[in-house]
Amino acid sequence: MIEQNPDSKELAFLQELEKHINEWVAITGYGSDEERIVASGDSIVQARQKAESLGFKDTTGVGMTAT
């Protein structure tokens, strides 16, 4: 098993995700170095609609649940 500690950017993103437990988030730049959360909501539709209203047209929706 390869173990790699997250870098500061990854840690910051994970900390931001923790703020959205039990919500859907709209992410721009998914999978890139520019990945960030731009909106959240109770459903994927709501999160993406909020993101679009803020001018973000190409987002990915992710559901966050407590573990």
PDB file of N, CA and C in Angstrom:
ATOM      1  N   MET A   1       0.840  -1.174   0.000  1.00  0.00           N
ATOM      2  CA  MET A   1       0.000   0.000   0.000  1.00  0.00           C
ATOM      3  C   MET A   1       0.890   1.244   0.000  1.00  0.00           C
ATOM      4  N   ILE A   2       0.555   2.178  -0.860  1.00  0.00           N
ATOM      5  CA  ILE A   2       1.301   3.432  -0.939  1.00  0.00           C
ATOM      6  C   ILE A   2       0.612   4.450  -0.035  1.00  0.00           C
ATOM      7  N   GLU A   3       1.381   5.043   0.839  1.00  0.00           N
ATOM      8  CA  GLU A   3       0.840   6.078   1.714  1.00  0.00           C
ATOM      9  C   GLU A   3       1.436   7.410   1.325  1.00  0.00           C
ATOM     10  N   GLN A   4       0.559   8.382   1.170  1.00  0.00           N
ATOM     11  CA  GLN A   4       1.013   9.716   0.817  1.00  0.00           C
ATOM     12  C   GLN A   4       0.204  10.713   1.633  1.00  0.00           C
ATOM     13  N   ASN A   5       0.886  11.589   2.311  1.00  0.00           N
ATOM     14  CA  ASN A   5       0.191  12.602   3.086  1.00  0.00           C
ATOM     15  C   ASN A   5      -0.347  13.670   2.152  1.00  0.00           C
ATOM     16  N   PRO A   6      -1.554  14.176   2.427  1.00  0.00           N
ATOM     17  CA  PRO A   6      -2.112  15.227   1.578  1.00  0.00           C
ATOM     18  C   PRO A   6      -1.295  16.509   1.713  1.00  0.00           C
ATOM     19  N   ASP A   7      -1.189  17.247   0.602  1.00  0.00           N
ATOM     20  CA  ASP A   7      -0.475  18.518   0.664  1.00  0.00           C
ATOM     21  C   ASP A   7      -1.419  19.589   1.223  1.00  0.00           C
ATOM     22  N   SER A   8      -0.939  20.802   1.379  1.00  0.00           N
ATOM     23  CA  SER A   8      -1.725  21.858   2.014  1.00  0.00           C
ATOM     24  C   SER A   8      -2.981  22.203   1.221  1.00  0.00           C
ATOM     25  N   LYS A   9      -2.914  22.140  -0.119  1.00  0.00           N
ATOM     26  CA  LYS A   9      -4.092  22.415  -0.945  1.00  0.00           C
ATOM     27  C   LYS A   9      -5.160  21.340  -0.733  1.00  0.00           C
ATOM     28  N   GLU A  10      -4.722  20.091  -0.684  1.00  0.00           N
ATOM     29  CA  GLU A  10      -5.659  18.987  -0.469  1.00  0.00           C
ATOM     30  C   GLU A  10      -6.291  19.070   0.917  1.00  0.00           C
ATOM     31  N   LEU A  11      -5.497  19.419   1.914  1.00  0.00           N
ATOM     32  CA  LEU A  11      -6.024  19.559   3.269  1.00  0.00           C
ATOM     33  C   LEU A  11      -7.052  20.680   3.344  1.00  0.00           C
ATOM     34  N   ALA A  12      -6.776  21.796   2.687  1.00  0.00           N
ATOM     35  CA  ALA A  12      -7.711  22.919   2.683  1.00  0.00           C
ATOM     36  C   ALA A  12      -9.028  22.510   2.028  1.00  0.00           C
ATOM     37  N   PHE A  13      -8.949  21.750   0.931  1.00  0.00           N
ATOM     38  CA  PHE A  13     -10.157  21.282   0.251  1.00  0.00           C
ATOM     39  C   PHE A  13     -10.947  20.340   1.155  1.00  0.00           C
ATOM     40  N   LEU A  14     -10.270  19.434   1.821  1.00  0.00           N
ATOM     41  CA  LEU A  14     -10.941  18.498   2.727  1.00  0.00           C
ATOM     42  C   LEU A  14     -11.602  19.233   3.888  1.00  0.00           C
ATOM     43  N   GLN A  15     -10.942  20.256   4.409  1.00  0.00           N
ATOM     44  CA  GLN A  15     -11.526  21.048   5.488  1.00  0.00           C
ATOM     45  C   GLN A  15     -12.785  21.774   5.009  1.00  0.00           C
ATOM     46  N   GLU A  16     -12.767  22.257   3.781  1.00  0.00           N
ATOM     47  CA  GLU A  16     -13.944  22.906   3.207  1.00  0.00           C
ATOM     48  C   GLU A  16     -15.078  21.893   3.029  1.00  0.00           C
ATOM     49  N   LEU A  17     -14.754  20.681   2.588  1.00  0.00           N
ATOM     50  CA  LEU A  17     -15.767  19.629   2.433  1.00  0.00           C
ATOM     51  C   LEU A  17     -16.438  19.299   3.764  1.00  0.00           C
ATOM     52  N   GLU A  18     -15.667  19.306   4.844  1.00  0.00           N
ATOM     53  CA  GLU A  18     -16.211  18.985   6.165  1.00  0.00           C
ATOM     54  C   GLU A  18     -17.327  19.939   6.573  1.00  0.00           C
ATOM     55  N   LYS A  19     -17.362  21.127   6.012  1.00  0.00           N
ATOM     56  CA  LYS A  19     -18.398  22.112   6.327  1.00  0.00           C
ATOM     57  C   LYS A  19     -19.734  21.762   5.679  1.00  0.00           C
ATOM     58  N   HIS A  20     -19.731  20.787   4.780  1.00  0.00           N
ATOM     59  CA  HIS A  20     -20.918  20.470   3.998  1.00  0.00           C
ATOM     60  C   HIS A  20     -21.408  19.037   4.203  1.00  0.00           C
ATOM     61  N   ILE A  21     -21.255  18.511   5.411  1.00  0.00           N
ATOM     62  CA  ILE A  21     -21.722  17.164   5.714  1.00  0.00           C
ATOM     63  C   ILE A  21     -23.236  17.115   5.536  1.00  0.00           C
ATOM     64  N   ASN A  22     -23.728  16.061   4.917  1.00  0.00           N
ATOM     65  CA  ASN A  22     -25.149  15.844   4.631  1.00  0.00           C
ATOM     66  C   ASN A  22     -25.719  16.856   3.647  1.00  0.00           C
ATOM     67  N   GLU A  23     -24.879  17.387   2.780  1.00  0.00           N
ATOM     68  CA  GLU A  23     -25.292  18.284   1.710  1.00  0.00           C
ATOM     69  C   GLU A  23     -24.665  17.825   0.401  1.00  0.00           C
ATOM     70  N   TRP A  24     -25.205  18.318  -0.680  1.00  0.00           N
ATOM     71  CA  TRP A  24     -24.581  18.149  -1.982  1.00  0.00           C
ATOM     72  C   TRP A  24     -23.754  19.392  -2.249  1.00  0.00           C
ATOM     73  N   VAL A  25     -22.599  19.219  -2.880  1.00  0.00           N
ATOM     74  CA  VAL A  25     -21.774  20.368  -3.234  1.00  0.00           C
ATOM     75  C   VAL A  25     -21.533  20.383  -4.736  1.00  0.00           C
ATOM     76  N   ALA A  26     -21.427  21.590  -5.282  1.00  0.00           N
ATOM     77  CA  ALA A  26     -21.056  21.773  -6.682  1.00  0.00           C
ATOM     78  C   ALA A  26     -19.589  22.167  -6.687  1.00  0.00           C
ATOM     79  N   ILE A  27     -18.813  21.424  -7.455  1.00  0.00           N
ATOM     80  CA  ILE A  27     -17.368  21.623  -7.499  1.00  0.00           C
ATOM     81  C   ILE A  27     -16.972  22.037  -8.905  1.00  0.00           C
ATOM     82  N   THR A  28     -16.129  23.046  -8.990  1.00  0.00           N
ATOM     83  CA  THR A  28     -15.582  23.444 -10.279  1.00  0.00           C
ATOM     84  C   THR A  28     -14.124  22.977 -10.329  1.00  0.00           C
ATOM     85  N   GLY A  29     -13.665  22.629 -11.511  1.00  0.00           N
ATOM     86  CA  GLY A  29     -12.293  22.154 -11.667  1.00  0.00           C
ATOM     87  C   GLY A  29     -12.062  20.779 -11.075  1.00  0.00           C
ATOM     88  N   TYR A  30     -13.113  19.967 -11.036  1.00  0.00           N
ATOM     89  CA  TYR A  30     -13.031  18.649 -10.396  1.00  0.00           C
ATOM     90  C   TYR A  30     -11.857  17.835 -10.943  1.00  0.00           C
ATOM     91  N   GLY A  31     -11.016  17.343 -10.032  1.00  0.00           N
ATOM     92  CA  GLY A  31      -9.883  16.508 -10.413  1.00  0.00           C
ATOM     93  C   GLY A  31      -8.642  17.276 -10.833  1.00  0.00           C
ATOM     94  N   SER A  32      -8.713  18.605 -10.816  1.00  0.00           N
ATOM     95  CA  SER A  32      -7.553  19.413 -11.221  1.00  0.00           C
ATOM     96  C   SER A  32      -6.974  20.129  -9.998  1.00  0.00           C
ATOM     97  N   ASP A  33      -5.904  20.845 -10.220  1.00  0.00           N
ATOM     98  CA  ASP A  33      -5.301  21.633  -9.144  1.00  0.00           C
ATOM     99  C   ASP A  33      -6.168  22.830  -8.763  1.00  0.00           C
ATOM    100  N   GLU A  34      -7.146  23.154  -9.605  1.00  0.00           N
ATOM    101  CA  GLU A  34      -8.023  24.300  -9.371  1.00  0.00           C
ATOM    102  C   GLU A  34      -9.376  23.887  -8.787  1.00  0.00           C
ATOM    103  N   GLU A  35      -9.476  22.678  -8.298  1.00  0.00           N
ATOM    104  CA  GLU A  35     -10.719  22.145  -7.753  1.00  0.00           C
ATOM    105  C   GLU A  35     -11.161  22.959  -6.534  1.00  0.00           C
ATOM    106  N   ARG A  36     -12.464  23.385  -6.533  1.00  0.00           N
ATOM    107  CA  ARG A  36     -12.991  24.081  -5.367  1.00  0.00           C
ATOM    108  C   ARG A  36     -14.504  23.997  -5.322  1.00  0.00           C
ATOM    109  N   ILE A  37     -15.044  24.122  -4.115  1.00  0.00           N
ATOM    110  CA  ILE A  37     -16.485  24.097  -3.896  1.00  0.00           C
ATOM    111  C   ILE A  37     -17.021  25.492  -4.178  1.00  0.00           C
ATOM    112  N   VAL A  38     -18.076  25.555  -5.002  1.00  0.00           N
ATOM    113  CA  VAL A  38     -18.640  26.858  -5.346  1.00  0.00           C
ATOM    114  C   VAL A  38     -20.073  27.034  -4.850  1.00  0.00           C
ATOM    115  N   ALA A  39     -20.750  25.954  -4.452  1.00  0.00           N
ATOM    116  CA  ALA A  39     -22.115  26.047  -3.932  1.00  0.00           C
ATOM    117  C   ALA A  39     -22.486  24.737  -3.251  1.00  0.00           C
ATOM    118  N   SER A  40     -23.545  24.796  -2.434  1.00  0.00           N
ATOM    119  CA  SER A  40     -24.053  23.582  -1.789  1.00  0.00           C
ATOM    120  C   SER A  40     -25.564  23.664  -1.698  1.00  0.00           C
ATOM    121  N   GLY A  41     -26.193  22.525  -1.433  1.00  0.00           N
ATOM    122  CA  GLY A  41     -27.644  22.476  -1.308  1.00  0.00           C
ATOM    123  C   GLY A  41     -28.111  21.134  -0.812  1.00  0.00           C
ATOM    124  N   ASP A  42     -29.430  21.027  -0.649  1.00  0.00           N
ATOM    125  CA  ASP A  42     -30.020  19.785  -0.160  1.00  0.00           C
ATOM    126  C   ASP A  42     -30.094  18.702  -1.233  1.00  0.00           C
ATOM    127  N   SER A  43     -29.932  19.081  -2.498  1.00  0.00           N
ATOM    128  CA  SER A  43     -29.944  18.124  -3.604  1.00  0.00           C
ATOM    129  C   SER A  43     -28.869  18.531  -4.609  1.00  0.00           C
ATOM    130  N   ILE A  44     -28.536  17.594  -5.482  1.00  0.00           N
ATOM    131  CA  ILE A  44     -27.553  17.905  -6.514  1.00  0.00           C
ATOM    132  C   ILE A  44     -28.080  19.012  -7.442  1.00  0.00           C
ATOM    133  N   VAL A  45     -29.377  18.974  -7.708  1.00  0.00           N
ATOM    134  CA  VAL A  45     -29.981  19.989  -8.572  1.00  0.00           C
ATOM    135  C   VAL A  45     -29.859  21.363  -7.927  1.00  0.00           C
ATOM    136  N   GLN A  46     -30.183  21.450  -6.653  1.00  0.00           N
ATOM    137  CA  GLN A  46     -30.115  22.727  -5.949  1.00  0.00           C
ATOM    138  C   GLN A  46     -28.680  23.262  -5.914  1.00  0.00           C
ATOM    139  N   ALA A  47     -27.714  22.411  -5.625  1.00  0.00           N
ATOM    140  CA  ALA A  47     -26.321  22.839  -5.571  1.00  0.00           C
ATOM    141  C   ALA A  47     -25.849  23.353  -6.936  1.00  0.00           C
ATOM    142  N   ARG A  48     -26.201  22.630  -7.991  1.00  0.00           N
ATOM    143  CA  ARG A  48     -25.768  23.050  -9.333  1.00  0.00           C
ATOM    144  C   ARG A  48     -26.495  24.305  -9.788  1.00  0.00           C
ATOM    145  N   GLN A  49     -27.773  24.458  -9.417  1.00  0.00           N
ATOM    146  CA  GLN A  49     -28.499  25.679  -9.763  1.00  0.00           C
ATOM    147  C   GLN A  49     -27.893  26.892  -9.063  1.00  0.00           C
ATOM    148  N   LYS A  50     -27.528  26.729  -7.800  1.00  0.00           N
ATOM    149  CA  LYS A  50     -26.870  27.822  -7.068  1.00  0.00           C
ATOM    150  C   LYS A  50     -25.547  28.187  -7.746  1.00  0.00           C
ATOM    151  N   ALA A  51     -24.793  27.162  -8.133  1.00  0.00           N
ATOM    152  CA  ALA A  51     -23.510  27.407  -8.795  1.00  0.00           C
ATOM    153  C   ALA A  51     -23.724  28.168 -10.104  1.00  0.00           C
ATOM    154  N   GLU A  52     -24.714  27.753 -10.880  1.00  0.00           N
ATOM    155  CA  GLU A  52     -24.994  28.432 -12.152  1.00  0.00           C
ATOM    156  C   GLU A  52     -25.414  29.876 -11.922  1.00  0.00           C
ATOM    157  N   SER A  53     -26.192  30.137 -10.857  1.00  0.00           N
ATOM    158  CA  SER A  53     -26.612  31.508 -10.574  1.00  0.00           C
ATOM    159  C   SER A  53     -25.431  32.390 -10.185  1.00  0.00           C
ATOM    160  N   LEU A  54     -24.346  31.759  -9.745  1.00  0.00           N
ATOM    161  CA  LEU A  54     -23.123  32.491  -9.403  1.00  0.00           C
ATOM    162  C   LEU A  54     -22.159  32.584 -10.588  1.00  0.00           C
ATOM    163  N   GLY A  55     -22.573  32.033 -11.733  1.00  0.00           N
ATOM    164  CA  GLY A  55     -21.769  32.122 -12.940  1.00  0.00           C
ATOM    165  C   GLY A  55     -20.903  30.917 -13.246  1.00  0.00           C
ATOM    166  N   PHE A  56     -21.056  29.844 -12.488  1.00  0.00           N
ATOM    167  CA  PHE A  56     -20.278  28.626 -12.721  1.00  0.00           C
ATOM    168  C   PHE A  56     -21.119  27.662 -13.545  1.00  0.00           C
ATOM    169  N   LYS A  57     -20.749  27.462 -14.800  1.00  0.00           N
ATOM    170  CA  LYS A  57     -21.561  26.649 -15.716  1.00  0.00           C
ATOM    171  C   LYS A  57     -21.137  25.185 -15.768  1.00  0.00           C
ATOM    172  N   ASP A  58     -19.888  24.889 -15.517  1.00  0.00           N
ATOM    173  CA  ASP A  58     -19.376  23.528 -15.640  1.00  0.00           C
ATOM    174  C   ASP A  58     -18.972  23.018 -14.266  1.00  0.00           C
ATOM    175  N   THR A  59     -19.919  22.407 -13.558  1.00  0.00           N
ATOM    176  CA  THR A  59     -19.636  21.908 -12.224  1.00  0.00           C
ATOM    177  C   THR A  59     -19.925  20.421 -12.115  1.00  0.00           C
ATOM    178  N   THR A  60     -19.364  19.821 -11.106  1.00  0.00           N
ATOM    179  CA  THR A  60     -19.607  18.424 -10.786  1.00  0.00           C
ATOM    180  C   THR A  60     -20.303  18.398  -9.428  1.00  0.00           C
ATOM    181  N   GLY A  61     -21.310  17.552  -9.271  1.00  0.00           N
ATOM    182  CA  GLY A  61     -22.015  17.443  -7.994  1.00  0.00           C
ATOM    183  C   GLY A  61     -21.529  16.243  -7.212  1.00  0.00           C
ATOM    184  N   VAL A  62     -21.343  16.453  -5.907  1.00  0.00           N
ATOM    185  CA  VAL A  62     -20.864  15.392  -5.024  1.00  0.00           C
ATOM    186  C   VAL A  62     -21.695  15.437  -3.748  1.00  0.00           C
ATOM    187  N   GLY A  63     -22.168  14.293  -3.288  1.00  0.00           N
ATOM    188  CA  GLY A  63     -22.917  14.207  -2.039  1.00  0.00           C
ATOM    189  C   GLY A  63     -21.972  13.921  -0.892  1.00  0.00           C
ATOM    190  N   MET A  64     -22.138  14.659   0.215  1.00  0.00           N
ATOM    191  CA  MET A  64     -21.279  14.482   1.377  1.00  0.00           C
ATOM    192  C   MET A  64     -22.122  13.923   2.524  1.00  0.00           C
ATOM    193  N   THR A  65     -21.683  12.804   3.108  1.00  0.00           N
ATOM    194  CA  THR A  65     -22.399  12.223   4.214  1.00  0.00           C
ATOM    195  C   THR A  65     -21.449  12.037   5.384  1.00  0.00           C
ATOM    196  N   ALA A  66     -22.013  12.065   6.571  1.00  0.00           N
ATOM    197  CA  ALA A  66     -21.206  11.844   7.775  1.00  0.00           C
ATOM    198  C   ALA A  66     -20.784  10.383   7.815  1.00  0.00           C
ATOM    199  N   THR A  67     -19.589  10.143   8.309  1.00  0.00           N
ATOM    200  CA  THR A  67     -19.109   8.768   8.405  1.00  0.00           C
ATOM    201  C   THR A  67     -19.147   8.288   9.828  1.00  0.00           C
TER     202      THR A  67
END
